Amino acid sequence: MPSYPSTPALSSRTLNHLADLVRAERTRRRSRWRRLDASRQALLALAHLRNGDTSTRLAL
């Protein structure tokens, strides 16, 4: 019996697209600085959506 992943793999294109959206939103809000750059923030957002983990659990 073949096994299938429970969620599809995410491409780097998806990550780059979301990072671009995060950058655009930061520019729109005129945000001065963030602890994480846009690509890391996008990666954490996708990890949360994929696994349902909290940000505290993802930080471990």
N, C-alpha and C. Protein backbone atom coordinates (compact mmCIF):
# COMPACT_ATOMS: atom_id res chain seq x y z
N MET A 1 0.84 -1.17 0.00
CA MET A 1 0.00 0.00 0.00
C MET A 1 0.89 1.24 0.00
N PRO A 2 0.78 2.10 -1.00
CA PRO A 2 1.63 3.29 -1.06
C PRO A 2 1.23 4.31 -0.01
N SER A 3 2.20 5.02 0.47
CA SER A 3 1.90 6.08 1.44
C SER A 3 2.02 7.44 0.75
N TYR A 4 1.18 8.34 1.13
CA TYR A 4 1.17 9.68 0.56
C TYR A 4 1.37 10.70 1.68
N PRO A 5 2.10 11.78 1.37
CA PRO A 5 2.25 12.82 2.40
C PRO A 5 0.88 13.44 2.71
N SER A 6 0.69 13.82 3.95
CA SER A 6 -0.60 14.38 4.34
C SER A 6 -0.81 15.78 3.78
N THR A 7 0.28 16.46 3.47
CA THR A 7 0.18 17.79 2.88
C THR A 7 1.16 17.88 1.72
N PRO A 8 0.83 18.66 0.72
CA PRO A 8 1.74 18.79 -0.43
C PRO A 8 2.99 19.58 -0.06
N ALA A 9 4.05 19.29 -0.76
CA ALA A 9 5.29 20.03 -0.54
C ALA A 9 5.13 21.46 -1.05
N LEU A 10 5.78 22.38 -0.38
CA LEU A 10 5.71 23.78 -0.77
C LEU A 10 6.94 24.13 -1.60
N SER A 11 6.71 24.81 -2.69
CA SER A 11 7.82 25.17 -3.57
C SER A 11 8.47 26.46 -3.11
N SER A 12 9.68 26.68 -3.59
CA SER A 12 10.36 27.94 -3.28
C SER A 12 9.64 29.11 -3.95
N ARG A 13 8.95 28.83 -5.04
CA ARG A 13 8.16 29.88 -5.70
C ARG A 13 7.05 30.37 -4.78
N THR A 14 6.40 29.46 -4.08
CA THR A 14 5.36 29.83 -3.12
C THR A 14 5.93 30.68 -2.00
N LEU A 15 7.08 30.25 -1.49
CA LEU A 15 7.73 30.99 -0.41
C LEU A 15 8.12 32.39 -0.89
N ASN A 16 8.69 32.51 -2.07
CA ASN A 16 9.08 33.82 -2.60
C ASN A 16 7.88 34.71 -2.84
N HIS A 17 6.79 34.13 -3.32
CA HIS A 17 5.58 34.92 -3.56
C HIS A 17 5.04 35.48 -2.25
N LEU A 18 4.97 34.65 -1.23
CA LEU A 18 4.47 35.11 0.06
C LEU A 18 5.41 36.15 0.66
N ALA A 19 6.71 35.96 0.52
CA ALA A 19 7.68 36.95 1.02
C ALA A 19 7.49 38.29 0.32
N ASP A 20 7.21 38.26 -0.97
CA ASP A 20 6.94 39.50 -1.70
C ASP A 20 5.68 40.19 -1.17
N LEU A 21 4.66 39.40 -0.86
CA LEU A 21 3.44 39.97 -0.30
C LEU A 21 3.69 40.59 1.08
N VAL A 22 4.52 39.93 1.88
CA VAL A 22 4.86 40.46 3.20
C VAL A 22 5.62 41.77 3.05
N ARG A 23 6.59 41.82 2.13
CA ARG A 23 7.34 43.06 1.89
C ARG A 23 6.42 44.19 1.46
N ALA A 24 5.48 43.90 0.57
CA ALA A 24 4.55 44.91 0.08
C ALA A 24 3.67 45.43 1.22
N GLU A 25 3.23 44.54 2.08
CA GLU A 25 2.39 44.96 3.21
C GLU A 25 3.20 45.80 4.19
N ARG A 26 4.44 45.43 4.43
CA ARG A 26 5.28 46.23 5.31
C ARG A 26 5.51 47.63 4.74
N THR A 27 5.71 47.71 3.42
CA THR A 27 5.88 49.00 2.77
C THR A 27 4.60 49.82 2.87
N ARG A 28 3.47 49.18 2.64
CA ARG A 28 2.19 49.88 2.72
C ARG A 28 1.94 50.45 4.11
N ARG A 29 2.33 49.69 5.13
CA ARG A 29 2.15 50.13 6.52
C ARG A 29 3.26 51.05 7.00
N ARG A 30 4.29 51.20 6.18
CA ARG A 30 5.47 52.01 6.53
C ARG A 30 6.13 51.52 7.82
N SER A 31 6.27 50.22 7.89
CA SER A 31 6.90 49.59 9.04
C SER A 31 8.40 49.88 9.03
N ARG A 32 8.93 50.30 10.15
CA ARG A 32 10.34 50.67 10.21
C ARG A 32 11.28 49.47 10.27
N TRP A 33 10.97 48.51 11.10
CA TRP A 33 11.85 47.34 11.21
C TRP A 33 11.05 46.17 11.75
N ARG A 34 11.59 45.01 11.55
CA ARG A 34 11.03 43.78 12.09
C ARG A 34 12.18 42.91 12.57
N ARG A 35 11.89 42.06 13.51
CA ARG A 35 12.92 41.15 14.01
C ARG A 35 13.31 40.13 12.95
N LEU A 36 12.33 39.66 12.18
CA LEU A 36 12.59 38.70 11.11
C LEU A 36 12.49 39.39 9.76
N ASP A 37 13.29 38.95 8.82
CA ASP A 37 13.12 39.47 7.46
C ASP A 37 11.88 38.82 6.84
N ALA A 38 11.47 39.35 5.69
CA ALA A 38 10.21 38.92 5.08
C ALA A 38 10.21 37.44 4.72
N SER A 39 11.33 36.92 4.25
CA SER A 39 11.35 35.51 3.86
C SER A 39 11.22 34.58 5.07
N ARG A 40 11.82 34.94 6.19
CA ARG A 40 11.69 34.12 7.40
C ARG A 40 10.28 34.20 7.96
N GLN A 41 9.68 35.39 7.90
CA GLN A 41 8.31 35.53 8.36
C GLN A 41 7.37 34.71 7.49
N ALA A 42 7.60 34.71 6.19
CA ALA A 42 6.78 33.92 5.28
C ALA A 42 6.94 32.43 5.57
N LEU A 43 8.16 31.99 5.82
CA LEU A 43 8.42 30.59 6.13
C LEU A 43 7.68 30.16 7.40
N LEU A 44 7.70 30.99 8.43
CA LEU A 44 6.98 30.67 9.66
C LEU A 44 5.47 30.64 9.43
N ALA A 45 4.96 31.56 8.61
CA ALA A 45 3.53 31.57 8.32
C ALA A 45 3.12 30.30 7.59
N LEU A 46 3.91 29.89 6.61
CA LEU A 46 3.59 28.66 5.87
C LEU A 46 3.71 27.43 6.76
N ALA A 47 4.70 27.41 7.64
CA ALA A 47 4.83 26.28 8.57
C ALA A 47 3.63 26.21 9.49
N HIS A 48 3.16 27.36 9.94
CA HIS A 48 1.97 27.38 10.80
C HIS A 48 0.74 26.87 10.05
N LEU A 49 0.57 27.33 8.82
CA LEU A 49 -0.59 26.89 8.05
C LEU A 49 -0.52 25.41 7.70
N ARG A 50 0.67 24.93 7.46
CA ARG A 50 0.83 23.53 7.06
C ARG A 50 0.67 22.57 8.23
N ASN A 51 1.28 22.91 9.37
CA ASN A 51 1.30 21.99 10.50
C ASN A 51 0.35 22.38 11.62
N GLY A 52 -0.10 23.63 11.63
CA GLY A 52 -0.97 24.07 12.71
C GLY A 52 -0.23 24.34 14.01
N ASP A 53 1.09 24.44 13.94
CA ASP A 53 1.88 24.71 15.13
C ASP A 53 1.76 26.17 15.55
N THR A 54 1.89 26.42 16.83
CA THR A 54 1.92 27.79 17.33
C THR A 54 3.31 28.38 17.09
N SER A 55 3.41 29.69 17.13
CA SER A 55 4.72 30.31 16.92
C SER A 55 5.70 29.94 18.03
N THR A 56 5.22 29.71 19.24
CA THR A 56 6.11 29.29 20.33
C THR A 56 6.69 27.91 20.03
N ARG A 57 5.87 27.02 19.55
CA ARG A 57 6.34 25.67 19.25
C ARG A 57 7.30 25.68 18.05
N LEU A 58 7.03 26.54 17.05
CA LEU A 58 7.92 26.63 15.90
C LEU A 58 9.28 27.21 16.28
N ALA A 59 9.33 28.01 17.33
CA ALA A 59 10.58 28.63 17.75
C ALA A 59 11.54 27.64 18.40
N LEU A 60 11.04 26.51 18.84
CA LEU A 60 11.90 25.53 19.53
C LEU A 60 12.87 24.87 18.61
